[in-house]
Amino acid sequence: MKINKIIVNPFDNLSESKLIVIGFISFLIGTFAAYYLGGSYPGLISFKSNSATLLQLFYQNVIATILLTLVLFILGKILTSRVRLVDMFTTVLVARSAIYFMALLNTNKWLNPIADLMTKNALDPQAVTTVDKGDLILLFIGVIIILLLIIYFFYLLIKGFRIAINSKKNYHGLLLIIIVFLSEAISAIFIPYYI
């Protein structure tokens, strides 16, 4: 029962120090998983299958964490004056744990060939019918898992943000989602694929 409470709302059920430790552990696991499974984190909420060095992955994750923390902190300051940087940092560390799980889906880059084949043959209906049904099912399952991880990321981000600024207003969550997507687009400037 306790694990369900932690998954649903870690911010109410764990101390700040435990949340930071969990966030750092997931940061390290996500970085090493991406390195060994052949991926990188080129944005605040994205994962890409490509080779990167451990230093490059560390750099990408540090920059993404700092940028997202600053975005949340600035938004928090705009909405209320009582916001602490450490609360936003903790929220980002915990929420990005969901993003790091995307690296585990990259085992042997199993989604890439299927997605590439679908993209290449998208305009040719005859070629699409030749795609193996098992591959389509795998691609569908992979996409569903990725969507669930992104939803869980935003759930954690909104939950932690609203607790940190003591917000009861639902539109704060919607505003946060919009700002994070805008920041994702802008983050390409700061988070290169390679150093």
Protein backbone atom coordinates (compact mmCIF):
# COMPACT_ATOMS: atom_id res chain seq x y z
CA MET A 1 0.00 0.00 0.00
CA LYS A 2 2.82 2.39 0.82
CA ILE A 3 4.43 2.02 -2.62
CA ASN A 4 1.15 3.03 -4.30
CA LYS A 5 1.03 6.20 -2.20
CA ILE A 6 4.63 7.00 -3.12
CA ILE A 7 3.98 6.49 -6.84
CA VAL A 8 0.78 8.54 -6.79
CA ASN A 9 2.17 11.40 -4.71
CA PRO A 10 5.81 11.13 -3.68
CA PHE A 11 5.86 14.79 -2.60
CA ASP A 12 3.38 14.23 0.24
CA ASN A 13 4.69 10.82 1.28
CA LEU A 14 8.47 11.27 1.29
CA SER A 15 10.76 13.82 2.92
CA GLU A 16 12.57 16.35 0.78
CA SER A 17 15.93 14.66 1.41
CA LYS A 18 14.55 11.27 0.28
CA LEU A 19 13.08 12.86 -2.83
CA ILE A 20 16.44 14.43 -3.69
CA VAL A 21 18.22 11.09 -3.19
CA ILE A 22 15.65 9.30 -5.38
CA GLY A 23 16.01 12.03 -8.00
CA PHE A 24 19.81 11.78 -8.05
CA ILE A 25 19.72 7.99 -8.22
CA SER A 26 17.28 8.10 -11.15
CA PHE A 27 19.47 10.79 -12.77
CA LEU A 28 22.48 8.46 -12.59
CA ILE A 29 20.53 5.37 -13.67
CA GLY A 30 19.00 7.30 -16.59
CA THR A 31 22.39 8.61 -17.67
CA PHE A 32 24.08 5.21 -17.53
CA ALA A 33 21.09 3.43 -19.11
CA ALA A 34 21.12 5.84 -22.05
CA TYR A 35 24.89 5.36 -22.41
CA TYR A 36 24.78 1.57 -22.41
CA LEU A 37 21.57 1.28 -24.45
CA GLY A 38 22.52 3.88 -27.07
CA GLY A 39 20.48 7.00 -26.51
CA SER A 40 20.56 10.61 -25.41
CA TYR A 41 18.33 13.31 -23.91
CA PRO A 42 18.38 16.20 -26.42
CA GLY A 43 15.62 18.16 -24.67
CA LEU A 44 13.78 18.67 -21.43
CA ILE A 45 11.31 15.86 -22.06
CA SER A 46 12.75 13.93 -24.98
CA PHE A 47 14.83 10.83 -25.60
CA LYS A 48 16.57 9.97 -28.86
CA SER A 49 18.28 6.80 -30.04
CA ASN A 50 21.83 7.73 -30.92
CA SER A 51 25.30 7.23 -29.54
CA ALA A 52 26.67 9.69 -27.03
CA THR A 53 29.53 9.61 -24.57
CA LEU A 54 28.89 9.41 -20.86
CA LEU A 55 30.14 13.00 -20.48
CA GLN A 56 27.73 14.21 -23.18
CA LEU A 57 24.81 12.47 -21.50
CA PHE A 58 25.77 13.88 -18.13
CA TYR A 59 25.99 17.34 -19.67
CA GLN A 60 22.59 16.96 -21.38
CA ASN A 61 20.89 15.85 -18.17
CA VAL A 62 22.50 18.54 -16.03
CA ILE A 63 21.52 21.29 -18.48
CA ALA A 64 17.97 19.91 -18.83
CA THR A 65 17.57 19.71 -15.05
CA ILE A 66 18.91 23.24 -14.51
CA LEU A 67 16.82 24.76 -17.31
CA LEU A 68 13.62 23.08 -16.16
CA THR A 69 14.32 24.09 -12.55
CA LEU A 70 14.79 27.71 -13.61
CA VAL A 71 11.61 27.64 -15.72
CA LEU A 72 9.61 26.33 -12.76
CA PHE A 73 11.24 28.76 -10.34
CA ILE A 74 10.52 31.78 -12.56
CA LEU A 75 6.93 30.68 -13.11
CA GLY A 76 6.58 30.08 -9.37
CA LYS A 77 7.92 33.57 -8.61
CA ILE A 78 5.44 35.07 -11.06
CA LEU A 79 2.53 33.23 -9.44
CA THR A 80 3.60 33.65 -5.80
CA SER A 81 6.51 35.22 -3.97
CA ARG A 82 6.89 32.26 -1.59
CA VAL A 83 8.78 29.78 -3.70
CA ARG A 84 12.07 28.08 -2.94
CA LEU A 85 14.58 27.06 -5.59
CA VAL A 86 15.27 23.78 -3.77
CA ASP A 87 11.57 22.83 -4.04
CA MET A 88 11.62 23.35 -7.80
CA PHE A 89 14.90 21.44 -8.11
CA THR A 90 13.46 18.53 -6.14
CA THR A 91 10.30 18.55 -8.27
CA VAL A 92 12.35 18.44 -11.48
CA LEU A 93 14.63 15.66 -10.22
CA VAL A 94 11.68 13.48 -9.27
CA ALA A 95 9.59 14.23 -12.38
CA ARG A 96 12.47 13.55 -14.79
CA SER A 97 12.67 10.03 -13.35
CA ALA A 98 9.82 9.18 -15.73
CA ILE A 99 11.82 10.52 -18.69
CA TYR A 100 14.82 8.39 -17.74
CA PHE A 101 12.73 5.23 -18.05
CA MET A 102 12.50 5.94 -21.79
CA ALA A 103 16.12 4.79 -22.05
CA LEU A 104 15.05 1.30 -21.01
CA LEU A 105 12.77 1.12 -24.06
CA ASN A 106 15.85 1.60 -26.22
CA THR A 107 17.25 -1.86 -25.47
CA ASN A 108 18.93 -3.00 -28.70
CA LYS A 109 17.22 -0.01 -30.33
CA TRP A 110 14.26 -2.29 -31.02
CA LEU A 111 11.80 0.51 -31.83
CA ASN A 112 14.02 2.28 -34.38
CA PRO A 113 13.87 -0.17 -37.30
CA ILE A 114 10.10 -0.51 -36.99
CA ALA A 115 9.54 3.26 -36.77
CA ASP A 116 11.97 3.91 -39.65
CA LEU A 117 10.19 1.37 -41.84
CA MET A 118 6.80 2.91 -41.05
CA THR A 119 8.08 6.43 -41.74
CA LYS A 120 9.74 5.43 -45.00
CA ASN A 121 6.65 3.64 -46.27
CA ALA A 122 3.99 5.94 -44.81
CA LEU A 123 2.95 7.29 -48.21
CA ASP A 124 2.89 3.88 -49.89
CA PRO A 125 -0.17 1.94 -48.71
CA GLN A 126 1.07 -1.24 -50.39
CA ALA A 127 4.38 -1.17 -48.49
CA VAL A 128 2.68 -0.51 -45.16
CA THR A 129 0.67 -3.71 -45.50
CA THR A 130 3.92 -5.70 -45.73
CA VAL A 131 5.01 -4.64 -42.25
CA ASP A 132 4.92 -7.56 -39.84
CA LYS A 133 1.91 -7.42 -37.50
CA GLY A 134 4.13 -8.35 -34.56
CA ASP A 135 6.35 -5.34 -35.30
CA LEU A 136 3.29 -3.08 -35.41
CA ILE A 137 2.14 -4.40 -32.06
CA LEU A 138 5.61 -3.79 -30.58
CA LEU A 139 5.66 -0.25 -31.98
CA PHE A 140 2.17 0.40 -30.61
CA ILE A 141 3.14 -0.90 -27.16
CA GLY A 142 6.34 1.19 -27.19
CA VAL A 143 4.44 4.34 -28.15
CA ILE A 144 1.82 3.73 -25.44
CA ILE A 145 4.54 3.26 -22.81
CA ILE A 146 6.31 6.45 -23.93
CA LEU A 147 3.04 8.41 -23.78
CA LEU A 148 2.31 7.05 -20.31
CA LEU A 149 5.80 8.06 -19.15
CA ILE A 150 5.34 11.58 -20.52
CA ILE A 151 1.93 11.84 -18.84
CA TYR A 152 3.44 10.61 -15.57
CA PHE A 153 6.28 13.15 -15.95
CA PHE A 154 3.76 15.99 -16.27
CA TYR A 155 1.67 14.58 -13.44
CA LEU A 156 4.69 14.60 -11.11
CA LEU A 157 5.84 18.00 -12.34
CA ILE A 158 2.43 19.59 -11.77
CA LYS A 159 1.91 17.84 -8.42
CA GLY A 160 5.31 18.95 -7.10
CA PHE A 161 4.96 22.47 -8.51
CA ARG A 162 1.49 22.99 -7.03
CA ILE A 163 2.64 21.73 -3.63
CA ALA A 164 5.76 23.93 -3.76
CA ILE A 165 3.79 27.10 -4.49
CA ASN A 166 0.75 26.01 -2.42
CA SER A 167 -1.56 26.34 -5.43
CA LYS A 168 -5.15 25.17 -5.50
CA LYS A 169 -5.83 26.54 -9.00
CA ASN A 170 -6.12 24.03 -11.84
CA TYR A 171 -5.05 26.48 -14.53
CA HIS A 172 -1.56 26.59 -12.97
CA GLY A 173 -1.05 23.02 -14.17
CA LEU A 174 -2.20 23.85 -17.69
CA LEU A 175 0.02 26.92 -17.73
CA LEU A 176 2.96 24.78 -16.60
CA ILE A 177 2.37 22.24 -19.40
CA ILE A 178 2.30 24.99 -22.04
CA ILE A 179 5.46 26.61 -20.69
CA VAL A 180 7.31 23.27 -20.51
CA PHE A 181 6.46 22.50 -24.16
CA LEU A 182 7.67 25.96 -25.20
CA SER A 183 10.82 25.44 -23.13
CA GLU A 184 11.34 22.04 -24.79
CA ALA A 185 11.44 23.76 -28.18
CA ILE A 186 13.83 26.44 -26.93
CA SER A 187 16.04 23.95 -25.08
CA ALA A 188 17.45 22.66 -28.37
CA ILE A 189 19.68 25.73 -28.29
CA PHE A 190 21.16 24.81 -24.92
CA ILE A 191 21.16 21.01 -25.08
CA PRO A 192 23.12 19.93 -28.15
CA TYR A 193 23.28 16.32 -29.27
CA TYR A 194 27.02 16.46 -28.78
CA ILE A 195 29.43 18.71 -26.91
